[in-house]
mmCIF file of all heavy atoms, coordinates in Angstrom:
data_MODEL
# 
_entry.id   MODEL 
# 
loop_
_atom_site.group_PDB 
_atom_site.id 
_atom_site.type_symbol 
_atom_site.label_atom_id 
_atom_site.label_alt_id 
_atom_site.label_comp_id 
_atom_site.label_asym_id 
_atom_site.label_entity_id 
_atom_site.label_seq_id 
_atom_site.pdbx_PDB_ins_code 
_atom_site.Cartn_x 
_atom_site.Cartn_y 
_atom_site.Cartn_z 
_atom_site.occupancy 
_atom_site.B_iso_or_equiv 
_atom_site.pdbx_formal_charge 
_atom_site.auth_seq_id 
_atom_site.auth_comp_id 
_atom_site.auth_asym_id 
_atom_site.auth_atom_id 
_atom_site.pdbx_PDB_model_num 
ATOM 1   N N   . PRO A 1 1  ? 14.293  2.449   5.389   1.00 0.00 ? 1  PRO A N   1 
ATOM 2   C CA  . PRO A 1 1  ? 14.956  2.703   6.717   1.00 0.00 ? 1  PRO A CA  1 
ATOM 3   C C   . PRO A 1 1  ? 14.336  3.817   7.456   1.00 0.00 ? 1  PRO A C   1 
ATOM 4   O O   . PRO A 1 1  ? 13.511  4.580   6.957   1.00 0.00 ? 1  PRO A O   1 
ATOM 5   C CB  . PRO A 1 1  ? 16.388  2.927   6.306   1.00 0.00 ? 1  PRO A CB  1 
ATOM 6   C CG  . PRO A 1 1  ? 16.305  3.478   4.941   1.00 0.00 ? 1  PRO A CG  1 
ATOM 7   C CD  . PRO A 1 1  ? 15.124  2.889   4.268   1.00 0.00 ? 1  PRO A CD  1 
ATOM 8   N N   . PRO A 1 2  ? 14.790  4.019   8.697   1.00 0.00 ? 2  PRO A N   1 
ATOM 9   C CA  . PRO A 1 2  ? 14.242  5.131   9.471   1.00 0.00 ? 2  PRO A CA  1 
ATOM 10  C C   . PRO A 1 2  ? 14.652  6.524   8.790   1.00 0.00 ? 2  PRO A C   1 
ATOM 11  O O   . PRO A 1 2  ? 15.654  6.601   8.109   1.00 0.00 ? 2  PRO A O   1 
ATOM 12  C CB  . PRO A 1 2  ? 14.941  4.969   10.833  1.00 0.00 ? 2  PRO A CB  1 
ATOM 13  C CG  . PRO A 1 2  ? 15.305  3.575   10.888  1.00 0.00 ? 2  PRO A CG  1 
ATOM 14  C CD  . PRO A 1 2  ? 15.586  3.153   9.500   1.00 0.00 ? 2  PRO A CD  1 
ATOM 15  N N   . MET A 1 3  ? 13.887  7.447   9.066   1.00 0.00 ? 3  MET A N   1 
ATOM 16  C CA  . MET A 1 3  ? 14.147  8.855   8.622   1.00 0.00 ? 3  MET A CA  1 
ATOM 17  C C   . MET A 1 3  ? 14.833  9.676   9.755   1.00 0.00 ? 3  MET A C   1 
ATOM 18  O O   . MET A 1 3  ? 14.213  9.721   10.806  1.00 0.00 ? 3  MET A O   1 
ATOM 19  C CB  . MET A 1 3  ? 12.859  9.576   8.239   1.00 0.00 ? 3  MET A CB  1 
ATOM 20  C CG  . MET A 1 3  ? 13.027  10.933  7.573   1.00 0.00 ? 3  MET A CG  1 
ATOM 21  S SD  . MET A 1 3  ? 11.522  11.603  6.933   1.00 0.00 ? 3  MET A SD  1 
ATOM 22  C CE  . MET A 1 3  ? 10.608  11.951  8.487   1.00 0.00 ? 3  MET A CE  1 
ATOM 23  N N   . HIS A 1 4  ? 15.945  10.196  9.517   1.00 0.00 ? 4  HIS A N   1 
ATOM 24  C CA  . HIS A 1 4  ? 16.790  10.918  10.558  1.00 0.00 ? 4  HIS A CA  1 
ATOM 25  C C   . HIS A 1 4  ? 16.693  12.417  10.427  1.00 0.00 ? 4  HIS A C   1 
ATOM 26  O O   . HIS A 1 4  ? 16.697  13.074  11.437  1.00 0.00 ? 4  HIS A O   1 
ATOM 27  C CB  . HIS A 1 4  ? 18.206  10.446  10.579  1.00 0.00 ? 4  HIS A CB  1 
ATOM 28  C CG  . HIS A 1 4  ? 18.271  8.939   10.830  1.00 0.00 ? 4  HIS A CG  1 
ATOM 29  N ND1 . HIS A 1 4  ? 18.019  8.385   12.101  1.00 0.00 ? 4  HIS A ND1 1 
ATOM 30  C CD2 . HIS A 1 4  ? 18.690  7.875   10.062  1.00 0.00 ? 4  HIS A CD2 1 
ATOM 31  C CE1 . HIS A 1 4  ? 18.297  7.106   12.041  1.00 0.00 ? 4  HIS A CE1 1 
ATOM 32  N NE2 . HIS A 1 4  ? 18.634  6.832   10.856  1.00 0.00 ? 4  HIS A NE2 1 
ATOM 33  N N   . HIS A 1 5  ? 16.620  12.954  9.201   1.00 0.00 ? 5  HIS A N   1 
ATOM 34  C CA  . HIS A 1 5  ? 16.881  14.386  9.001   1.00 0.00 ? 5  HIS A CA  1 
ATOM 35  C C   . HIS A 1 5  ? 15.497  15.108  8.645   1.00 0.00 ? 5  HIS A C   1 
ATOM 36  O O   . HIS A 1 5  ? 15.440  16.262  9.014   1.00 0.00 ? 5  HIS A O   1 
ATOM 37  C CB  . HIS A 1 5  ? 17.867  14.617  8.008   1.00 0.00 ? 5  HIS A CB  1 
ATOM 38  C CG  . HIS A 1 5  ? 19.231  13.964  8.234   1.00 0.00 ? 5  HIS A CG  1 
ATOM 39  N ND1 . HIS A 1 5  ? 19.974  14.324  9.359   1.00 0.00 ? 5  HIS A ND1 1 
ATOM 40  C CD2 . HIS A 1 5  ? 19.825  12.894  7.600   1.00 0.00 ? 5  HIS A CD2 1 
ATOM 41  C CE1 . HIS A 1 5  ? 21.068  13.543  9.403   1.00 0.00 ? 5  HIS A CE1 1 
ATOM 42  N NE2 . HIS A 1 5  ? 21.008  12.735  8.342   1.00 0.00 ? 5  HIS A NE2 1 
ATOM 43  N N   . GLY A 1 6  ? 14.646  14.481  7.940   1.00 0.00 ? 6  GLY A N   1 
ATOM 44  C CA  . GLY A 1 6  ? 13.418  15.106  7.610   1.00 0.00 ? 6  GLY A CA  1 
ATOM 45  C C   . GLY A 1 6  ? 12.542  15.324  8.811   1.00 0.00 ? 6  GLY A C   1 
ATOM 46  O O   . GLY A 1 6  ? 12.727  14.633  9.908   1.00 0.00 ? 6  GLY A O   1 
ATOM 47  N N   . LEU A 1 7  ? 11.486  16.053  8.750   1.00 0.00 ? 7  LEU A N   1 
ATOM 48  C CA  . LEU A 1 7  ? 10.508  16.318  9.889   1.00 0.00 ? 7  LEU A CA  1 
ATOM 49  C C   . LEU A 1 7  ? 9.418   15.373  9.898   1.00 0.00 ? 7  LEU A C   1 
ATOM 50  O O   . LEU A 1 7  ? 8.961   14.824  10.827  1.00 0.00 ? 7  LEU A O   1 
ATOM 51  C CB  . LEU A 1 7  ? 10.075  17.758  9.851   1.00 0.00 ? 7  LEU A CB  1 
ATOM 52  C CG  . LEU A 1 7  ? 11.133  18.813  10.059  1.00 0.00 ? 7  LEU A CG  1 
ATOM 53  C CD1 . LEU A 1 7  ? 10.519  20.193  9.961   1.00 0.00 ? 7  LEU A CD1 1 
ATOM 54  C CD2 . LEU A 1 7  ? 11.774  18.626  11.409  1.00 0.00 ? 7  LEU A CD2 1 
ATOM 55  N N   . LEU A 1 8  ? 8.795   15.103  8.629   1.00 0.00 ? 8  LEU A N   1 
ATOM 56  C CA  . LEU A 1 8  ? 7.558   14.375  8.563   1.00 0.00 ? 8  LEU A CA  1 
ATOM 57  C C   . LEU A 1 8  ? 7.409   13.818  7.159   1.00 0.00 ? 8  LEU A C   1 
ATOM 58  O O   . LEU A 1 8  ? 7.680   14.536  6.172   1.00 0.00 ? 8  LEU A O   1 
ATOM 59  C CB  . LEU A 1 8  ? 6.378   15.273  8.870   1.00 0.00 ? 8  LEU A CB  1 
ATOM 60  C CG  . LEU A 1 8  ? 4.991   14.623  8.979   1.00 0.00 ? 8  LEU A CG  1 
ATOM 61  C CD1 . LEU A 1 8  ? 4.966   13.656  10.218  1.00 0.00 ? 8  LEU A CD1 1 
ATOM 62  C CD2 . LEU A 1 8  ? 3.882   15.699  9.212   1.00 0.00 ? 8  LEU A CD2 1 
ATOM 63  N N   . ARG A 1 9  ? 7.027   12.533  7.053   1.00 0.00 ? 9  ARG A N   1 
ATOM 64  C CA  . ARG A 1 9  ? 6.671   11.922  5.813   1.00 0.00 ? 9  ARG A CA  1 
ATOM 65  C C   . ARG A 1 9  ? 5.462   11.153  5.873   1.00 0.00 ? 9  ARG A C   1 
ATOM 66  O O   . ARG A 1 9  ? 5.355   10.149  6.522   1.00 0.00 ? 9  ARG A O   1 
ATOM 67  C CB  . ARG A 1 9  ? 7.791   10.972  5.292   1.00 0.00 ? 9  ARG A CB  1 
ATOM 68  C CG  . ARG A 1 9  ? 7.709   10.655  3.835   1.00 0.00 ? 9  ARG A CG  1 
ATOM 69  C CD  . ARG A 1 9  ? 8.479   9.323   3.464   1.00 0.00 ? 9  ARG A CD  1 
ATOM 70  N NE  . ARG A 1 9  ? 7.726   8.180   3.990   1.00 0.00 ? 9  ARG A NE  1 
ATOM 71  C CZ  . ARG A 1 9  ? 8.112   6.943   3.786   1.00 0.00 ? 9  ARG A CZ  1 
ATOM 72  N NH1 . ARG A 1 9  ? 9.256   6.621   3.220   1.00 0.00 ? 9  ARG A NH1 1 
ATOM 73  N NH2 . ARG A 1 9  ? 7.371   5.910   4.263   1.00 0.00 ? 9  ARG A NH2 1 
ATOM 74  N N   . ARG A 1 10 ? 4.395   11.599  5.226   1.00 0.00 ? 10 ARG A N   1 
ATOM 75  C CA  . ARG A 1 10 ? 3.050   11.022  5.258   1.00 0.00 ? 10 ARG A CA  1 
ATOM 76  C C   . ARG A 1 10 ? 2.784   10.341  3.883   1.00 0.00 ? 10 ARG A C   1 
ATOM 77  O O   . ARG A 1 10 ? 2.873   11.130  2.845   1.00 0.00 ? 10 ARG A O   1 
ATOM 78  C CB  . ARG A 1 10 ? 2.002   12.081  5.598   1.00 0.00 ? 10 ARG A CB  1 
ATOM 79  C CG  . ARG A 1 10 ? 2.191   12.735  6.972   1.00 0.00 ? 10 ARG A CG  1 
ATOM 80  C CD  . ARG A 1 10 ? 1.417   13.996  7.104   1.00 0.00 ? 10 ARG A CD  1 
ATOM 81  N NE  . ARG A 1 10 ? 1.971   15.098  6.243   1.00 0.00 ? 10 ARG A NE  1 
ATOM 82  C CZ  . ARG A 1 10 ? 1.655   16.368  6.298   1.00 0.00 ? 10 ARG A CZ  1 
ATOM 83  N NH1 . ARG A 1 10 ? 0.621   16.736  7.086   1.00 0.00 ? 10 ARG A NH1 1 
ATOM 84  N NH2 . ARG A 1 10 ? 2.255   17.282  5.506   1.00 0.00 ? 10 ARG A NH2 1 
ATOM 85  N N   . VAL A 1 11 ? 2.431   9.099   3.878   1.00 0.00 ? 11 VAL A N   1 
ATOM 86  C CA  . VAL A 1 11 ? 2.118   8.396   2.596   1.00 0.00 ? 11 VAL A CA  1 
ATOM 87  C C   . VAL A 1 11 ? 0.825   7.766   2.785   1.00 0.00 ? 11 VAL A C   1 
ATOM 88  O O   . VAL A 1 11 ? 0.614   6.935   3.738   1.00 0.00 ? 11 VAL A O   1 
ATOM 89  C CB  . VAL A 1 11 ? 3.202   7.422   2.225   1.00 0.00 ? 11 VAL A CB  1 
ATOM 90  C CG1 . VAL A 1 11 ? 2.899   6.887   0.810   1.00 0.00 ? 11 VAL A CG1 1 
ATOM 91  C CG2 . VAL A 1 11 ? 4.626   8.112   2.170   1.00 0.00 ? 11 VAL A CG2 1 
ATOM 92  N N   . ILE A 1 12 ? -0.134  7.980   1.881   1.00 0.00 ? 12 ILE A N   1 
ATOM 93  C CA  . ILE A 1 12 ? -1.460  7.216   1.820   1.00 0.00 ? 12 ILE A CA  1 
ATOM 94  C C   . ILE A 1 12 ? -1.273  6.028   0.938   1.00 0.00 ? 12 ILE A C   1 
ATOM 95  O O   . ILE A 1 12 ? -0.706  6.179   -0.242  1.00 0.00 ? 12 ILE A O   1 
ATOM 96  C CB  . ILE A 1 12 ? -2.560  8.138   1.317   1.00 0.00 ? 12 ILE A CB  1 
ATOM 97  C CG1 . ILE A 1 12 ? -2.839  9.256   2.408   1.00 0.00 ? 12 ILE A CG1 1 
ATOM 98  C CG2 . ILE A 1 12 ? -3.826  7.281   1.111   1.00 0.00 ? 12 ILE A CG2 1 
ATOM 99  C CD1 . ILE A 1 12 ? -3.747  10.293  1.883   1.00 0.00 ? 12 ILE A CD1 1 
ATOM 100 N N   . TYR A 1 13 ? -1.749  4.876   1.325   1.00 0.00 ? 13 TYR A N   1 
ATOM 101 C CA  . TYR A 1 13 ? -1.653  3.698   0.482   1.00 0.00 ? 13 TYR A CA  1 
ATOM 102 C C   . TYR A 1 13 ? -3.041  3.202   0.147   1.00 0.00 ? 13 TYR A C   1 
ATOM 103 O O   . TYR A 1 13 ? -3.847  2.886   1.000   1.00 0.00 ? 13 TYR A O   1 
ATOM 104 C CB  . TYR A 1 13 ? -0.808  2.589   1.141   1.00 0.00 ? 13 TYR A CB  1 
ATOM 105 C CG  . TYR A 1 13 ? 0.597   2.892   1.241   1.00 0.00 ? 13 TYR A CG  1 
ATOM 106 C CD1 . TYR A 1 13 ? 1.224   3.431   2.447   1.00 0.00 ? 13 TYR A CD1 1 
ATOM 107 C CD2 . TYR A 1 13 ? 1.484   2.767   0.141   1.00 0.00 ? 13 TYR A CD2 1 
ATOM 108 C CE1 . TYR A 1 13 ? 2.475   3.812   2.495   1.00 0.00 ? 13 TYR A CE1 1 
ATOM 109 C CE2 . TYR A 1 13 ? 2.872   3.070   0.223   1.00 0.00 ? 13 TYR A CE2 1 
ATOM 110 C CZ  . TYR A 1 13 ? 3.350   3.603   1.411   1.00 0.00 ? 13 TYR A CZ  1 
ATOM 111 O OH  . TYR A 1 13 ? 4.695   3.915   1.570   1.00 0.00 ? 13 TYR A OH  1 
ATOM 112 N N   . PHE A 1 14 ? -3.304  2.915   -1.187  1.00 0.00 ? 14 PHE A N   1 
ATOM 113 C CA  . PHE A 1 14 ? -4.540  2.243   -1.604  1.00 0.00 ? 14 PHE A CA  1 
ATOM 114 C C   . PHE A 1 14 ? -4.043  0.954   -2.303  1.00 0.00 ? 14 PHE A C   1 
ATOM 115 O O   . PHE A 1 14 ? -3.061  1.046   -3.123  1.00 0.00 ? 14 PHE A O   1 
ATOM 116 C CB  . PHE A 1 14 ? -5.235  3.075   -2.643  1.00 0.00 ? 14 PHE A CB  1 
ATOM 117 C CG  . PHE A 1 14 ? -5.944  4.326   -2.069  1.00 0.00 ? 14 PHE A CG  1 
ATOM 118 C CD1 . PHE A 1 14 ? -6.017  5.556   -2.793  1.00 0.00 ? 14 PHE A CD1 1 
ATOM 119 C CD2 . PHE A 1 14 ? -6.469  4.317   -0.747  1.00 0.00 ? 14 PHE A CD2 1 
ATOM 120 C CE1 . PHE A 1 14 ? -6.622  6.633   -2.292  1.00 0.00 ? 14 PHE A CE1 1 
ATOM 121 C CE2 . PHE A 1 14 ? -7.023  5.435   -0.260  1.00 0.00 ? 14 PHE A CE2 1 
ATOM 122 C CZ  . PHE A 1 14 ? -7.204  6.681   -1.049  1.00 0.00 ? 14 PHE A CZ  1 
ATOM 123 N N   . GLU A 1 15 ? -4.655  -0.123  -2.048  1.00 0.00 ? 15 GLU A N   1 
ATOM 124 C CA  . GLU A 1 15 ? -4.351  -1.324  -2.697  1.00 0.00 ? 15 GLU A CA  1 
ATOM 125 C C   . GLU A 1 15 ? -5.580  -1.874  -3.476  1.00 0.00 ? 15 GLU A C   1 
ATOM 126 O O   . GLU A 1 15 ? -6.711  -1.878  -2.886  1.00 0.00 ? 15 GLU A O   1 
ATOM 127 C CB  . GLU A 1 15 ? -3.966  -2.435  -1.611  1.00 0.00 ? 15 GLU A CB  1 
ATOM 128 C CG  . GLU A 1 15 ? -2.676  -2.062  -0.862  1.00 0.00 ? 15 GLU A CG  1 
ATOM 129 C CD  . GLU A 1 15 ? -2.223  -3.110  0.108   1.00 0.00 ? 15 GLU A CD  1 
ATOM 130 O OE1 . GLU A 1 15 ? -2.991  -3.994  0.361   1.00 0.00 ? 15 GLU A OE1 1 
ATOM 131 O OE2 . GLU A 1 15 ? -1.074  -2.986  0.537   1.00 0.00 ? 15 GLU A OE2 1 
ATOM 132 N N   . PHE A 1 16 ? -5.310  -2.309  -4.703  1.00 0.00 ? 16 PHE A N   1 
ATOM 133 C CA  . PHE A 1 16 ? -6.410  -2.723  -5.623  1.00 0.00 ? 16 PHE A CA  1 
ATOM 134 C C   . PHE A 1 16 ? -6.208  -4.086  -6.124  1.00 0.00 ? 16 PHE A C   1 
ATOM 135 O O   . PHE A 1 16 ? -5.056  -4.574  -6.373  1.00 0.00 ? 16 PHE A O   1 
ATOM 136 C CB  . PHE A 1 16 ? -6.414  -1.741  -6.806  1.00 0.00 ? 16 PHE A CB  1 
ATOM 137 C CG  . PHE A 1 16 ? -6.820  -0.319  -6.581  1.00 0.00 ? 16 PHE A CG  1 
ATOM 138 C CD1 . PHE A 1 16 ? -5.831  0.614   -6.260  1.00 0.00 ? 16 PHE A CD1 1 
ATOM 139 C CD2 . PHE A 1 16 ? -8.145  0.046   -6.521  1.00 0.00 ? 16 PHE A CD2 1 
ATOM 140 C CE1 . PHE A 1 16 ? -6.189  1.890   -5.985  1.00 0.00 ? 16 PHE A CE1 1 
ATOM 141 C CE2 . PHE A 1 16 ? -8.488  1.366   -6.228  1.00 0.00 ? 16 PHE A CE2 1 
ATOM 142 C CZ  . PHE A 1 16 ? -7.522  2.261   -5.995  1.00 0.00 ? 16 PHE A CZ  1 
ATOM 143 N N   . LEU A 1 17 ? -7.388  -4.734  -6.311  1.00 0.00 ? 17 LEU A N   1 
ATOM 144 C CA  . LEU A 1 17 ? -7.414  -6.117  -6.870  1.00 0.00 ? 17 LEU A CA  1 
ATOM 145 C C   . LEU A 1 17 ? -8.610  -6.056  -7.867  1.00 0.00 ? 17 LEU A C   1 
ATOM 146 O O   . LEU A 1 17 ? -9.393  -5.140  -7.940  1.00 0.00 ? 17 LEU A O   1 
ATOM 147 C CB  . LEU A 1 17 ? -7.761  -7.151  -5.829  1.00 0.00 ? 17 LEU A CB  1 
ATOM 148 C CG  . LEU A 1 17 ? -6.660  -7.709  -4.933  1.00 0.00 ? 17 LEU A CG  1 
ATOM 149 C CD1 . LEU A 1 17 ? -7.251  -8.528  -3.819  1.00 0.00 ? 17 LEU A CD1 1 
ATOM 150 C CD2 . LEU A 1 17 ? -5.718  -8.554  -5.808  1.00 0.00 ? 17 LEU A CD2 1 
ATOM 151 N N   . SER A 1 18 ? -8.743  -7.218  -8.598  1.00 0.00 ? 18 SER A N   1 
ATOM 152 C CA  . SER A 1 18 ? -9.922  -7.391  -9.447  1.00 0.00 ? 18 SER A CA  1 
ATOM 153 C C   . SER A 1 18 ? -10.781 -8.465  -8.837  1.00 0.00 ? 18 SER A C   1 
ATOM 154 O O   . SER A 1 18 ? -10.303 -9.440  -8.163  1.00 0.00 ? 18 SER A O   1 
ATOM 155 C CB  . SER A 1 18 ? -9.539  -7.773  -10.864 1.00 0.00 ? 18 SER A CB  1 
ATOM 156 O OG  . SER A 1 18 ? -9.235  -9.108  -10.930 1.00 0.00 ? 18 SER A OG  1 
ATOM 157 N N   . ALA A 1 19 ? -12.070 -8.397  -9.022  1.00 0.00 ? 19 ALA A N   1 
ATOM 158 C CA  . ALA A 1 19 ? -13.025 -9.360  -8.512  1.00 0.00 ? 19 ALA A CA  1 
ATOM 159 C C   . ALA A 1 19 ? -12.756 -10.747 -9.091  1.00 0.00 ? 19 ALA A C   1 
ATOM 160 O O   . ALA A 1 19 ? -12.850 -11.778 -8.451  1.00 0.00 ? 19 ALA A O   1 
ATOM 161 C CB  . ALA A 1 19 ? -14.455 -8.959  -8.679  1.00 0.00 ? 19 ALA A CB  1 
ATOM 162 N N   . ALA A 1 20 ? -12.367 -10.732 -10.412 1.00 0.00 ? 20 ALA A N   1 
ATOM 163 C CA  . ALA A 1 20 ? -11.983 -12.048 -11.052 1.00 0.00 ? 20 ALA A CA  1 
ATOM 164 C C   . ALA A 1 20 ? -10.814 -12.770 -10.366 1.00 0.00 ? 20 ALA A C   1 
ATOM 165 O O   . ALA A 1 20 ? -10.874 -13.935 -10.211 1.00 0.00 ? 20 ALA A O   1 
ATOM 166 C CB  . ALA A 1 20 ? -11.754 -11.785 -12.537 1.00 0.00 ? 20 ALA A CB  1 
ATOM 167 N N   . GLN A 1 21 ? -9.872  -11.958 -10.012 1.00 0.00 ? 21 GLN A N   1 
ATOM 168 C CA  . GLN A 1 21 ? -8.674  -12.641 -9.355  1.00 0.00 ? 21 GLN A CA  1 
ATOM 169 C C   . GLN A 1 21 ? -9.087  -13.152 -7.962  1.00 0.00 ? 21 GLN A C   1 
ATOM 170 O O   . GLN A 1 21 ? -8.682  -14.205 -7.512  1.00 0.00 ? 21 GLN A O   1 
ATOM 171 C CB  . GLN A 1 21 ? -7.573  -11.640 -9.203  1.00 0.00 ? 21 GLN A CB  1 
ATOM 172 C CG  . GLN A 1 21 ? -6.323  -12.182 -8.537  1.00 0.00 ? 21 GLN A CG  1 
ATOM 173 C CD  . GLN A 1 21 ? -5.165  -11.238 -8.418  1.00 0.00 ? 21 GLN A CD  1 
ATOM 174 O OE1 . GLN A 1 21 ? -5.204  -10.246 -9.176  1.00 0.00 ? 21 GLN A OE1 1 
ATOM 175 N NE2 . GLN A 1 21 ? -4.224  -11.578 -7.682  1.00 0.00 ? 21 GLN A NE2 1 
ATOM 176 N N   . VAL A 1 22 ? -9.857  -12.398 -7.266  1.00 0.00 ? 22 VAL A N   1 
ATOM 177 C CA  . VAL A 1 22 ? -10.268 -12.806 -5.917  1.00 0.00 ? 22 VAL A CA  1 
ATOM 178 C C   . VAL A 1 22 ? -11.044 -14.119 -6.004  1.00 0.00 ? 22 VAL A C   1 
ATOM 179 O O   . VAL A 1 22 ? -10.877 -15.025 -5.184  1.00 0.00 ? 22 VAL A O   1 
ATOM 180 C CB  . VAL A 1 22 ? -11.185 -11.685 -5.258  1.00 0.00 ? 22 VAL A CB  1 
ATOM 181 C CG1 . VAL A 1 22 ? -11.875 -12.208 -4.017  1.00 0.00 ? 22 VAL A CG1 1 
ATOM 182 C CG2 . VAL A 1 22 ? -10.283 -10.519 -4.872  1.00 0.00 ? 22 VAL A CG2 1 
ATOM 183 N N   . ALA A 1 23 ? -11.941 -14.245 -6.963  1.00 0.00 ? 23 ALA A N   1 
ATOM 184 C CA  . ALA A 1 23 ? -12.675 -15.424 -7.132  1.00 0.00 ? 23 ALA A CA  1 
ATOM 185 C C   . ALA A 1 23 ? -11.866 -16.627 -7.581  1.00 0.00 ? 23 ALA A C   1 
ATOM 186 O O   . ALA A 1 23 ? -11.963 -17.716 -7.034  1.00 0.00 ? 23 ALA A O   1 
ATOM 187 C CB  . ALA A 1 23 ? -13.767 -15.224 -8.218  1.00 0.00 ? 23 ALA A CB  1 
ATOM 188 N N   . ALA A 1 24 ? -10.889 -16.296 -8.472  1.00 0.00 ? 24 ALA A N   1 
ATOM 189 C CA  . ALA A 1 24 ? -10.027 -17.454 -8.910  1.00 0.00 ? 24 ALA A CA  1 
ATOM 190 C C   . ALA A 1 24 ? -9.090  -17.933 -7.859  1.00 0.00 ? 24 ALA A C   1 
ATOM 191 O O   . ALA A 1 24 ? -8.829  -19.177 -7.822  1.00 0.00 ? 24 ALA A O   1 
ATOM 192 C CB  . ALA A 1 24 ? -9.181  -16.940 -10.155 1.00 0.00 ? 24 ALA A CB  1 
ATOM 193 N N   . GLU A 1 25 ? -8.628  -17.030 -6.999  1.00 0.00 ? 25 GLU A N   1 
ATOM 194 C CA  . GLU A 1 25 ? -7.656  -17.414 -5.945  1.00 0.00 ? 25 GLU A CA  1 
ATOM 195 C C   . GLU A 1 25 ? -8.295  -17.663 -4.637  1.00 0.00 ? 25 GLU A C   1 
ATOM 196 O O   . GLU A 1 25 ? -7.590  -17.926 -3.660  1.00 0.00 ? 25 GLU A O   1 
ATOM 197 C CB  . GLU A 1 25 ? -6.509  -16.428 -5.859  1.00 0.00 ? 25 GLU A CB  1 
ATOM 198 C CG  . GLU A 1 25 ? -5.710  -16.271 -7.223  1.00 0.00 ? 25 GLU A CG  1 
ATOM 199 C CD  . GLU A 1 25 ? -4.642  -15.260 -7.076  1.00 0.00 ? 25 GLU A CD  1 
ATOM 200 O OE1 . GLU A 1 25 ? -4.249  -14.916 -5.962  1.00 0.00 ? 25 GLU A OE1 1 
ATOM 201 O OE2 . GLU A 1 25 ? -4.167  -14.790 -8.149  1.00 0.00 ? 25 GLU A OE2 1 
ATOM 202 N N   . ARG A 1 26 ? -9.548  -17.438 -4.568  1.00 0.00 ? 26 ARG A N   1 
ATOM 203 C CA  . ARG A 1 26 ? -10.283 -17.588 -3.334  1.00 0.00 ? 26 ARG A CA  1 
ATOM 204 C C   . ARG A 1 26 ? -9.605  -16.893 -2.170  1.00 0.00 ? 26 ARG A C   1 
ATOM 205 O O   . ARG A 1 26 ? -9.377  -17.342 -1.040  1.00 0.00 ? 26 ARG A O   1 
ATOM 206 C CB  . ARG A 1 26 ? -10.383 -19.139 -2.894  1.00 0.00 ? 26 ARG A CB  1 
ATOM 207 C CG  . ARG A 1 26 ? -11.118 -19.978 -3.954  1.00 0.00 ? 26 ARG A CG  1 
ATOM 208 C CD  . ARG A 1 26 ? -11.180 -21.406 -3.573  1.00 0.00 ? 26 ARG A CD  1 
ATOM 209 N NE  . ARG A 1 26 ? -11.900 -22.219 -4.618  1.00 0.00 ? 26 ARG A NE  1 
ATOM 210 C CZ  . ARG A 1 26 ? -12.089 -23.478 -4.581  1.00 0.00 ? 26 ARG A CZ  1 
ATOM 211 N NH1 . ARG A 1 26 ? -11.644 -24.167 -3.495  1.00 0.00 ? 26 ARG A NH1 1 
ATOM 212 N NH2 . ARG A 1 26 ? -12.719 -24.093 -5.547  1.00 0.00 ? 26 ARG A NH2 1 
# 
């Protein structure tokens, strides 16, 4: 939900897969 009381929230997101899964699922 929205943040009302804090000043700042910074989150970095990295998403990972395997090459085998990419090939299998196209």
